[in-house]
């Protein structure tokens, strides 16, 4: 019998890392959203409807940016979802070297607010996001969110573990 407050020895049924690729074309945006939504449902991840909607909007914005701005140098984008006991990380990778920054608010501008929206959704959920270069010269934009509001303070150690899982490929990566 487990003692109260102890962490279970093995991973929870919904934990894991999944990665899929899609062509850098517009139809990949709704396909990526659907794949992430289906994965969360299939794995039985303990996510609220608000978190699911935020994640799907983040996936849409990141894949849209990759399709619109990186397709020339990146004919495919990779989407990865990592779920742990108390956090979920979604990342989108492309082969374009440009490292975007979230734009400042410009109320007169009609477009170009995708990364700002991603940043705001992430912060509101108590998460973190960043852009990193890949060894191949591209970039990964990732978002790490707590599964519950109580887990909003994700320890830095776990963020590091999320990066190691992504880079180390020690966890299975089933295709959704």
N, C-alpha and C. Protein backbone atom coordinates (compact mmCIF):
# COMPACT_ATOMS: atom_id res chain seq x y z
N UNK A 1 0.84 -1.18 0.00
CA UNK A 1 0.00 0.00 0.00
C UNK A 1 0.88 1.24 0.00
N UNK A 2 0.52 2.20 -0.79
CA UNK A 2 1.27 3.46 -0.90
C UNK A 2 1.04 4.31 0.34
N UNK A 3 2.08 4.98 0.78
CA UNK A 3 1.95 5.93 1.88
C UNK A 3 1.40 7.23 1.33
N UNK A 4 0.59 7.94 2.13
CA UNK A 4 0.09 9.23 1.65
C UNK A 4 1.24 10.16 1.30
N UNK A 5 1.10 10.86 0.19
CA UNK A 5 2.12 11.81 -0.22
C UNK A 5 3.26 11.21 -1.02
N UNK A 6 3.30 9.89 -1.15
CA UNK A 6 4.36 9.25 -1.93
C UNK A 6 4.00 9.22 -3.40
N UNK A 7 5.00 9.33 -4.22
CA UNK A 7 4.81 9.28 -5.66
C UNK A 7 4.75 7.81 -6.09
N UNK A 8 3.78 7.43 -6.92
CA UNK A 8 3.74 6.05 -7.39
C UNK A 8 5.03 5.67 -8.10
N UNK A 9 5.40 4.38 -8.03
CA UNK A 9 6.67 3.92 -8.58
C UNK A 9 6.73 4.04 -10.10
N UNK A 10 5.66 3.77 -10.78
CA UNK A 10 5.69 3.79 -12.25
C UNK A 10 4.91 4.95 -12.82
N UNK A 11 4.99 5.10 -14.13
CA UNK A 11 4.25 6.18 -14.77
C UNK A 11 2.74 5.93 -14.71
N UNK A 12 1.99 7.00 -14.72
CA UNK A 12 0.54 6.89 -14.77
C UNK A 12 0.12 6.48 -16.18
N UNK A 13 -1.06 5.89 -16.34
CA UNK A 13 -1.47 5.39 -17.65
C UNK A 13 -1.47 6.43 -18.77
N UNK A 14 -1.68 7.68 -18.44
CA UNK A 14 -1.76 8.71 -19.48
C UNK A 14 -0.41 9.33 -19.80
N UNK A 15 0.65 8.98 -19.09
CA UNK A 15 1.96 9.59 -19.30
C UNK A 15 2.65 9.02 -20.53
N UNK A 16 3.44 9.85 -21.19
CA UNK A 16 4.22 9.41 -22.34
C UNK A 16 4.59 10.57 -23.23
N UNK A 17 5.25 10.24 -24.33
CA UNK A 17 5.67 11.23 -25.31
C UNK A 17 5.23 10.71 -26.68
N UNK A 18 4.55 11.57 -27.43
CA UNK A 18 4.07 11.22 -28.76
C UNK A 18 4.52 12.30 -29.74
N UNK A 19 4.92 11.87 -30.92
CA UNK A 19 5.42 12.81 -31.92
C UNK A 19 4.85 12.42 -33.28
N UNK A 20 4.43 13.41 -34.04
CA UNK A 20 3.99 13.16 -35.41
C UNK A 20 4.46 14.30 -36.29
N UNK A 21 4.57 14.02 -37.57
CA UNK A 21 4.96 15.05 -38.53
C UNK A 21 3.80 15.27 -39.49
N UNK A 22 3.82 16.45 -40.09
CA UNK A 22 2.79 16.81 -41.06
C UNK A 22 3.43 17.70 -42.11
N UNK A 23 2.92 17.67 -43.33
CA UNK A 23 3.46 18.57 -44.35
C UNK A 23 3.17 20.03 -43.98
N UNK A 24 4.03 20.91 -44.40
CA UNK A 24 3.87 22.35 -44.11
C UNK A 24 2.86 22.97 -45.07
N UNK A 25 1.62 22.53 -44.94
CA UNK A 25 0.52 23.06 -45.75
C UNK A 25 -0.65 23.38 -44.83
N UNK A 26 -1.54 24.24 -45.29
CA UNK A 26 -2.65 24.75 -44.46
C UNK A 26 -3.51 23.64 -43.85
N UNK A 27 -3.78 22.57 -44.58
CA UNK A 27 -4.65 21.51 -44.07
C UNK A 27 -4.04 20.83 -42.84
N UNK A 28 -2.75 20.97 -42.63
CA UNK A 28 -2.10 20.37 -41.47
C UNK A 28 -2.50 21.03 -40.16
N UNK A 29 -2.97 22.26 -40.21
CA UNK A 29 -3.36 22.97 -38.98
C UNK A 29 -4.53 22.27 -38.30
N UNK A 30 -5.68 22.08 -38.96
CA UNK A 30 -6.77 21.38 -38.28
C UNK A 30 -6.44 19.91 -38.01
N UNK A 31 -5.62 19.30 -38.86
CA UNK A 31 -5.23 17.91 -38.61
C UNK A 31 -4.40 17.80 -37.33
N UNK A 32 -3.51 18.74 -37.10
CA UNK A 32 -2.70 18.73 -35.87
C UNK A 32 -3.58 18.94 -34.65
N UNK A 33 -4.51 19.87 -34.73
CA UNK A 33 -5.46 20.10 -33.62
C UNK A 33 -6.20 18.81 -33.30
N UNK A 34 -6.74 18.17 -34.33
CA UNK A 34 -7.51 16.95 -34.14
C UNK A 34 -6.65 15.84 -33.55
N UNK A 35 -5.42 15.72 -34.03
CA UNK A 35 -4.53 14.67 -33.52
C UNK A 35 -4.23 14.88 -32.03
N UNK A 36 -4.00 16.13 -31.63
CA UNK A 36 -3.71 16.41 -30.21
C UNK A 36 -4.96 16.15 -29.37
N UNK A 37 -6.12 16.62 -29.82
CA UNK A 37 -7.36 16.38 -29.08
C UNK A 37 -7.63 14.89 -28.93
N UNK A 38 -7.48 14.14 -30.02
CA UNK A 38 -7.71 12.69 -29.98
C UNK A 38 -6.73 12.00 -29.05
N UNK A 39 -5.48 12.44 -29.05
CA UNK A 39 -4.48 11.86 -28.16
C UNK A 39 -4.87 12.07 -26.70
N UNK A 40 -5.26 13.29 -26.35
CA UNK A 40 -5.65 13.58 -24.96
C UNK A 40 -6.82 12.71 -24.54
N UNK A 41 -7.79 12.54 -25.42
CA UNK A 41 -8.95 11.70 -25.11
C UNK A 41 -8.55 10.23 -24.99
N UNK A 42 -7.77 9.75 -25.94
CA UNK A 42 -7.36 8.34 -25.96
C UNK A 42 -6.55 7.98 -24.72
N UNK A 43 -5.67 8.88 -24.30
CA UNK A 43 -4.81 8.60 -23.15
C UNK A 43 -5.53 8.82 -21.83
N UNK A 44 -6.68 9.47 -21.87
CA UNK A 44 -7.40 9.75 -20.63
C UNK A 44 -6.67 10.75 -19.76
N UNK A 45 -5.99 11.69 -20.38
CA UNK A 45 -5.24 12.70 -19.62
C UNK A 45 -6.22 13.54 -18.79
N UNK A 46 -5.87 13.80 -17.54
CA UNK A 46 -6.76 14.56 -16.66
C UNK A 46 -6.69 16.06 -16.94
N UNK A 47 -7.28 16.47 -18.04
CA UNK A 47 -7.23 17.88 -18.45
C UNK A 47 -8.64 18.46 -18.45
N UNK A 48 -8.74 19.69 -17.99
CA UNK A 48 -10.03 20.38 -18.01
C UNK A 48 -10.35 20.81 -19.43
N UNK A 49 -11.62 21.09 -19.67
CA UNK A 49 -12.03 21.56 -21.00
C UNK A 49 -11.34 22.87 -21.34
N UNK A 50 -11.16 23.75 -20.35
CA UNK A 50 -10.46 25.02 -20.59
C UNK A 50 -9.02 24.77 -21.03
N UNK A 51 -8.35 23.82 -20.37
CA UNK A 51 -6.97 23.52 -20.74
C UNK A 51 -6.91 22.92 -22.15
N UNK A 52 -7.83 22.03 -22.46
CA UNK A 52 -7.86 21.44 -23.80
C UNK A 52 -8.04 22.53 -24.85
N UNK A 53 -8.98 23.44 -24.63
CA UNK A 53 -9.22 24.50 -25.61
C UNK A 53 -7.99 25.40 -25.76
N UNK A 54 -7.33 25.72 -24.63
CA UNK A 54 -6.10 26.51 -24.70
C UNK A 54 -5.00 25.79 -25.46
N UNK A 55 -4.83 24.50 -25.18
CA UNK A 55 -3.81 23.71 -25.88
C UNK A 55 -4.09 23.65 -27.38
N UNK A 56 -5.34 23.44 -27.74
CA UNK A 56 -5.68 23.35 -29.16
C UNK A 56 -5.45 24.67 -29.88
N UNK A 57 -5.73 25.77 -29.21
CA UNK A 57 -5.46 27.08 -29.81
C UNK A 57 -3.96 27.29 -29.96
N UNK A 58 -3.19 26.87 -28.96
CA UNK A 58 -1.73 26.98 -29.03
C UNK A 58 -1.20 26.15 -30.20
N UNK A 59 -1.66 24.90 -30.32
CA UNK A 59 -1.23 24.04 -31.43
C UNK A 59 -1.58 24.70 -32.76
N UNK A 60 -2.79 25.22 -32.87
CA UNK A 60 -3.19 25.88 -34.12
C UNK A 60 -2.27 27.05 -34.47
N UNK A 61 -1.99 27.89 -33.49
CA UNK A 61 -1.15 29.06 -33.74
C UNK A 61 0.27 28.66 -34.12
N UNK A 62 0.84 27.68 -33.40
CA UNK A 62 2.23 27.29 -33.67
C UNK A 62 2.36 26.59 -35.02
N UNK A 63 1.43 25.70 -35.34
CA UNK A 63 1.50 25.02 -36.64
C UNK A 63 1.22 26.01 -37.77
N UNK A 64 0.27 26.92 -37.57
CA UNK A 64 0.00 27.95 -38.58
C UNK A 64 1.25 28.77 -38.85
N UNK A 65 1.94 29.19 -37.80
CA UNK A 65 3.17 29.97 -37.99
C UNK A 65 4.21 29.18 -38.77
N UNK A 66 4.37 27.90 -38.43
CA UNK A 66 5.35 27.08 -39.15
C UNK A 66 4.98 26.95 -40.62
N UNK A 67 3.69 26.74 -40.89
CA UNK A 67 3.23 26.60 -42.27
C UNK A 67 3.43 27.90 -43.05
N UNK A 68 3.06 29.01 -42.44
CA UNK A 68 3.12 30.30 -43.15
C UNK A 68 4.53 30.86 -43.29
N UNK A 69 5.36 30.64 -42.28
CA UNK A 69 6.64 31.34 -42.25
C UNK A 69 7.86 30.44 -42.44
N UNK A 70 7.71 29.13 -42.34
CA UNK A 70 8.88 28.26 -42.42
C UNK A 70 8.81 27.24 -43.54
N UNK A 71 7.70 27.17 -44.24
CA UNK A 71 7.49 26.11 -45.24
C UNK A 71 8.56 26.07 -46.32
N UNK A 72 9.09 27.22 -46.69
CA UNK A 72 10.10 27.25 -47.75
C UNK A 72 11.33 26.43 -47.37
N UNK A 73 11.74 26.51 -46.11
CA UNK A 73 12.91 25.76 -45.64
C UNK A 73 12.54 24.51 -44.86
N UNK A 74 11.26 24.33 -44.60
CA UNK A 74 10.81 23.21 -43.79
C UNK A 74 9.56 22.59 -44.40
N UNK A 75 9.71 21.61 -45.28
CA UNK A 75 8.54 21.02 -45.92
C UNK A 75 7.65 20.24 -44.96
N UNK A 76 8.17 19.93 -43.77
CA UNK A 76 7.39 19.25 -42.74
C UNK A 76 7.55 19.98 -41.42
N UNK A 77 6.53 19.85 -40.57
CA UNK A 77 6.62 20.30 -39.19
C UNK A 77 6.42 19.08 -38.31
N UNK A 78 7.02 19.12 -37.15
CA UNK A 78 6.85 18.04 -36.18
C UNK A 78 6.12 18.60 -34.97
N UNK A 79 5.14 17.85 -34.50
CA UNK A 79 4.40 18.22 -33.30
C UNK A 79 4.66 17.12 -32.28
N UNK A 80 5.00 17.55 -31.07
CA UNK A 80 5.25 16.58 -30.01
C UNK A 80 4.42 16.94 -28.79
N UNK A 81 3.86 15.92 -28.16
CA UNK A 81 3.09 16.09 -26.94
C UNK A 81 3.72 15.19 -25.89
N UNK A 82 4.09 15.77 -24.76
CA UNK A 82 4.62 15.00 -23.63
C UNK A 82 3.70 15.25 -22.45
N UNK A 83 3.23 14.16 -21.84
CA UNK A 83 2.34 14.28 -20.69
C UNK A 83 3.00 13.58 -19.51
N UNK A 84 3.11 14.29 -18.40
CA UNK A 84 3.64 13.73 -17.16
C UNK A 84 2.53 13.75 -16.11
N UNK A 85 2.88 13.40 -14.90
CA UNK A 85 1.88 13.31 -13.83
C UNK A 85 1.15 14.62 -13.60
N UNK A 86 1.85 15.76 -13.70
CA UNK A 86 1.19 17.02 -13.39
C UNK A 86 1.43 18.13 -14.40
N UNK A 87 1.98 17.81 -15.57
CA UNK A 87 2.17 18.83 -16.61
C UNK A 87 2.04 18.21 -17.99
N UNK A 88 1.85 19.09 -18.97
CA UNK A 88 1.79 18.68 -20.37
C UNK A 88 2.63 19.67 -21.16
N UNK A 89 3.41 19.14 -22.10
CA UNK A 89 4.24 20.00 -22.95
C UNK A 89 3.89 19.72 -24.40
N UNK A 90 3.67 20.79 -25.14
CA UNK A 90 3.42 20.69 -26.58
C UNK A 90 4.52 21.48 -27.27
N UNK A 91 5.11 20.89 -28.30
CA UNK A 91 6.14 21.62 -29.05
C UNK A 91 5.91 21.43 -30.55
N UNK A 92 6.32 22.45 -31.28
CA UNK A 92 6.26 22.40 -32.74
C UNK A 92 7.65 22.73 -33.25
N UNK A 93 8.16 21.87 -34.12
CA UNK A 93 9.52 22.00 -34.64
C UNK A 93 9.48 22.18 -36.15
N UNK A 94 10.32 23.09 -36.63
CA UNK A 94 10.49 23.25 -38.07
C UNK A 94 11.98 23.46 -38.35
N UNK A 95 12.34 23.48 -39.62
CA UNK A 95 13.75 23.59 -39.99
C UNK A 95 14.18 25.00 -40.38
N UNK A 96 13.35 25.98 -40.11
CA UNK A 96 13.69 27.37 -40.43
C UNK A 96 14.50 27.94 -39.26
N UNK A 97 15.61 28.63 -39.54
CA UNK A 97 16.47 29.12 -38.46
C UNK A 97 15.94 30.35 -37.72
N UNK A 98 15.00 31.09 -38.29
CA UNK A 98 14.52 32.31 -37.65
C UNK A 98 13.85 31.98 -36.32
N UNK A 99 14.24 32.72 -35.31
CA UNK A 99 13.71 32.53 -33.96
C UNK A 99 12.76 33.68 -33.64
N UNK A 100 11.44 33.47 -33.75
CA UNK A 100 10.49 34.57 -33.57
C UNK A 100 10.38 35.01 -32.12
N UNK A 101 9.88 36.22 -31.96
CA UNK A 101 9.60 36.77 -30.63
C UNK A 101 8.13 37.13 -30.60
N UNK A 102 7.53 37.00 -29.42
CA UNK A 102 6.14 37.42 -29.29
C UNK A 102 6.06 38.91 -29.53
N UNK A 103 5.14 39.31 -30.37
CA UNK A 103 5.03 40.72 -30.74
C UNK A 103 4.40 41.52 -29.61
N UNK A 104 4.79 42.76 -29.53
CA UNK A 104 4.17 43.67 -28.58
C UNK A 104 2.76 43.99 -29.08
N UNK A 105 1.94 44.42 -28.16
CA UNK A 105 0.56 44.76 -28.54
C UNK A 105 0.56 45.95 -29.49
N UNK A 106 -0.10 45.78 -30.61
CA UNK A 106 -0.30 46.86 -31.57
C UNK A 106 -1.77 46.75 -31.99
N UNK A 107 -2.61 47.54 -31.36
CA UNK A 107 -4.05 47.40 -31.57
C UNK A 107 -4.48 47.76 -32.98
N UNK A 108 -3.65 48.47 -33.73
CA UNK A 108 -3.98 48.80 -35.10
C UNK A 108 -3.65 47.69 -36.07
N UNK A 109 -2.87 46.72 -35.63
CA UNK A 109 -2.44 45.62 -36.49
C UNK A 109 -3.53 44.54 -36.55
N UNK A 110 -3.79 44.02 -37.74
CA UNK A 110 -4.84 43.01 -37.89
C UNK A 110 -4.31 41.59 -37.86
N UNK A 111 -3.03 41.39 -37.95
CA UNK A 111 -2.47 40.04 -37.93
C UNK A 111 -1.19 40.02 -37.12
N UNK A 112 -0.54 38.86 -37.09
CA UNK A 112 0.75 38.76 -36.43
C UNK A 112 0.69 38.69 -34.92
N UNK A 113 -0.43 38.25 -34.38
CA UNK A 113 -0.56 38.18 -32.92
C UNK A 113 -0.52 36.76 -32.39
N UNK A 114 -0.21 35.79 -33.23
CA UNK A 114 -0.26 34.39 -32.82
C UNK A 114 0.63 34.06 -31.65
N UNK A 115 1.90 34.47 -31.70
CA UNK A 115 2.81 34.15 -30.60
C UNK A 115 2.47 34.93 -29.34
N UNK A 116 1.96 36.14 -29.50
CA UNK A 116 1.50 36.90 -28.34
C UNK A 116 0.34 36.16 -27.67
N UNK A 117 -0.57 35.64 -28.48
CA UNK A 117 -1.69 34.86 -27.96
C UNK A 117 -1.20 33.60 -27.25
N UNK A 118 -0.25 32.91 -27.85
CA UNK A 118 0.33 31.71 -27.23
C UNK A 118 0.93 32.07 -25.88
N UNK A 119 1.69 33.14 -25.83
CA UNK A 119 2.32 33.56 -24.57
C UNK A 119 1.27 33.90 -23.52
N UNK A 120 0.22 34.62 -23.90
CA UNK A 120 -0.82 35.01 -22.94
C UNK A 120 -1.59 33.81 -22.41
N UNK A 121 -1.96 32.88 -23.28
CA UNK A 121 -2.66 31.66 -22.84
C UNK A 121 -1.77 30.88 -21.88
N UNK A 122 -0.50 30.77 -22.22
CA UNK A 122 0.46 30.04 -21.39
C UNK A 122 0.58 30.66 -20.01
N UNK A 123 0.77 31.96 -19.96
CA UNK A 123 0.92 32.65 -18.68
C UNK A 123 -0.35 32.56 -17.85
N UNK A 124 -1.50 32.71 -18.49
CA UNK A 124 -2.77 32.62 -17.77
C UNK A 124 -2.96 31.24 -17.14
N UNK A 125 -2.47 30.20 -17.80
CA UNK A 125 -2.60 28.84 -17.28
C UNK A 125 -1.52 28.50 -16.25
N UNK A 126 -0.59 29.42 -16.02
CA UNK A 126 0.48 29.16 -15.06
C UNK A 126 1.64 28.40 -15.65
N UNK A 127 1.79 28.45 -16.96
CA UNK A 127 2.84 27.70 -17.63
C UNK A 127 3.99 28.56 -18.09
N UNK A 128 4.81 27.98 -18.93
CA UNK A 128 5.97 28.67 -19.48
C UNK A 128 6.14 28.26 -20.95
N UNK A 129 6.80 29.11 -21.73
CA UNK A 129 7.04 28.78 -23.13
C UNK A 129 8.38 29.37 -23.55
N UNK A 130 8.93 28.81 -24.62
CA UNK A 130 10.23 29.30 -25.10
C UNK A 130 10.44 28.83 -26.54
N UNK A 131 11.47 29.38 -27.14
CA UNK A 131 11.91 28.99 -28.47
C UNK A 131 13.36 28.55 -28.33
N UNK A 132 13.70 27.40 -28.91
CA UNK A 132 15.07 26.89 -28.84
C UNK A 132 15.53 26.49 -30.23
N UNK A 133 16.82 26.63 -30.46
CA UNK A 133 17.41 26.16 -31.72
C UNK A 133 17.59 24.65 -31.65
N UNK A 134 17.51 24.01 -32.81
CA UNK A 134 17.77 22.57 -32.89
C UNK A 134 19.19 22.36 -33.41
N UNK A 135 19.70 21.16 -33.25
CA UNK A 135 21.04 20.84 -33.73
C UNK A 135 21.12 20.96 -35.26
N UNK A 136 19.99 20.77 -35.93
CA UNK A 136 19.97 20.84 -37.40
C UNK A 136 19.80 22.26 -37.93
N UNK A 137 19.72 23.24 -37.03
CA UNK A 137 19.62 24.63 -37.46
C UNK A 137 18.21 25.19 -37.48
N UNK A 138 17.23 24.38 -37.15
CA UNK A 138 15.84 24.85 -37.09
C UNK A 138 15.51 25.36 -35.70
N UNK A 139 14.23 25.24 -35.35
CA UNK A 139 13.80 25.71 -34.04
C UNK A 139 12.66 24.85 -33.52
N UNK A 140 12.51 24.90 -32.22
CA UNK A 140 11.39 24.27 -31.52
C UNK A 140 10.75 25.36 -30.67
N UNK A 141 9.45 25.51 -30.82
CA UNK A 141 8.71 26.39 -29.92
C UNK A 141 7.90 25.46 -29.02
N UNK A 142 8.11 25.58 -27.71
CA UNK A 142 7.43 24.68 -26.79
C UNK A 142 6.67 25.46 -25.73
N UNK A 143 5.63 24.80 -25.24
CA UNK A 143 4.78 25.33 -24.19
C UNK A 143 4.62 24.24 -23.14
N UNK A 144 4.83 24.59 -21.89
CA UNK A 144 4.68 23.65 -20.78
C UNK A 144 3.59 24.19 -19.87
N UNK A 145 2.53 23.40 -19.67
CA UNK A 145 1.40 23.83 -18.87
C UNK A 145 1.12 22.84 -17.75
N UNK A 146 0.69 23.33 -16.59
CA UNK A 146 0.28 22.41 -15.53
C UNK A 146 -1.05 21.76 -15.90
N UNK A 147 -1.21 20.50 -15.51
CA UNK A 147 -2.48 19.82 -15.78
C UNK A 147 -3.60 20.39 -14.93
N UNK A 148 -3.26 20.86 -13.74
CA UNK A 148 -4.25 21.47 -12.86
C UNK A 148 -3.71 22.80 -12.37
N UNK A 149 -4.61 23.72 -12.01
CA UNK A 149 -4.13 25.01 -11.50
C UNK A 149 -3.24 24.86 -10.27
N UNK A 150 -3.44 23.81 -9.47
CA UNK A 150 -2.63 23.59 -8.27
C UNK A 150 -1.18 23.30 -8.62
N UNK A 151 -0.93 22.77 -9.80
CA UNK A 151 0.43 22.40 -10.22
C UNK A 151 1.09 23.52 -11.01
N UNK A 152 0.58 24.74 -10.88
CA UNK A 152 1.06 25.86 -11.70
C UNK A 152 2.54 26.14 -11.52
N UNK A 153 3.09 25.85 -10.37
CA UNK A 153 4.52 26.08 -10.17
C UNK A 153 5.27 24.82 -10.55
N UNK A 154 5.56 24.66 -11.83
CA UNK A 154 6.28 23.48 -12.32
C UNK A 154 7.75 23.65 -11.96
N UNK A 155 8.30 22.74 -11.16
CA UNK A 155 9.71 22.87 -10.77
C UNK A 155 10.63 22.86 -11.98
N UNK A 156 11.70 23.64 -11.89
CA UNK A 156 12.67 23.73 -12.98
C UNK A 156 13.24 22.36 -13.32
N UNK A 157 13.40 21.49 -12.33
CA UNK A 157 13.91 20.15 -12.55
C UNK A 157 13.01 19.41 -13.55
N UNK A 158 11.70 19.55 -13.41
CA UNK A 158 10.78 18.86 -14.32
C UNK A 158 10.83 19.45 -15.72
N UNK A 159 11.05 20.76 -15.83
CA UNK A 159 11.20 21.36 -17.16
C UNK A 159 12.42 20.75 -17.83
N UNK A 160 13.51 20.60 -17.09
CA UNK A 160 14.71 19.96 -17.63
C UNK A 160 14.45 18.53 -18.05
N UNK A 161 13.68 17.80 -17.23
CA UNK A 161 13.34 16.43 -17.59
C UNK A 161 12.52 16.39 -18.87
N UNK A 162 11.63 17.35 -19.04
CA UNK A 162 10.83 17.40 -20.27
C UNK A 162 11.73 17.57 -21.48
N UNK A 163 12.74 18.43 -21.35
CA UNK A 163 13.67 18.63 -22.46
C UNK A 163 14.47 17.35 -22.72
N UNK A 164 14.90 16.67 -21.64
CA UNK A 164 15.67 15.44 -21.82
C UNK A 164 14.84 14.37 -22.51
N UNK A 165 13.57 14.24 -22.13
CA UNK A 165 12.71 13.26 -22.77
C UNK A 165 12.61 13.56 -24.25
N UNK A 166 12.44 14.85 -24.59
CA UNK A 166 12.31 15.25 -25.98
C UNK A 166 13.57 14.95 -26.75
N UNK A 167 14.71 15.23 -26.15
CA UNK A 167 15.97 15.06 -26.86
C UNK A 167 16.49 13.63 -26.80
N UNK A 168 16.20 12.92 -25.69
CA UNK A 168 16.78 11.61 -25.49
C UNK A 168 16.06 10.46 -26.15
N UNK A 169 14.81 10.63 -26.47
CA UNK A 169 14.00 9.59 -27.13
C UNK A 169 14.02 8.28 -26.36
N UNK A 170 14.04 8.37 -25.00
CA UNK A 170 14.01 7.16 -24.21
C UNK A 170 12.60 6.68 -23.96
N UNK A 171 11.62 7.54 -24.16
CA UNK A 171 10.22 7.17 -23.98
C UNK A 171 9.64 6.78 -25.33
N UNK A 172 8.64 5.93 -25.31
CA UNK A 172 8.02 5.56 -26.58
C UNK A 172 7.38 6.78 -27.23
N UNK A 173 7.35 6.78 -28.55
CA UNK A 173 6.76 7.89 -29.30
C UNK A 173 5.72 7.34 -30.27
N UNK A 174 4.61 6.81 -29.73
CA UNK A 174 3.59 6.30 -30.65
C UNK A 174 3.02 7.41 -31.51
N UNK A 175 2.61 7.05 -32.70
CA UNK A 175 1.97 8.00 -33.59
C UNK A 175 0.49 8.01 -33.28
N UNK A 176 -0.08 9.22 -33.05
CA UNK A 176 -1.52 9.27 -32.74
C UNK A 176 -2.35 8.84 -33.92
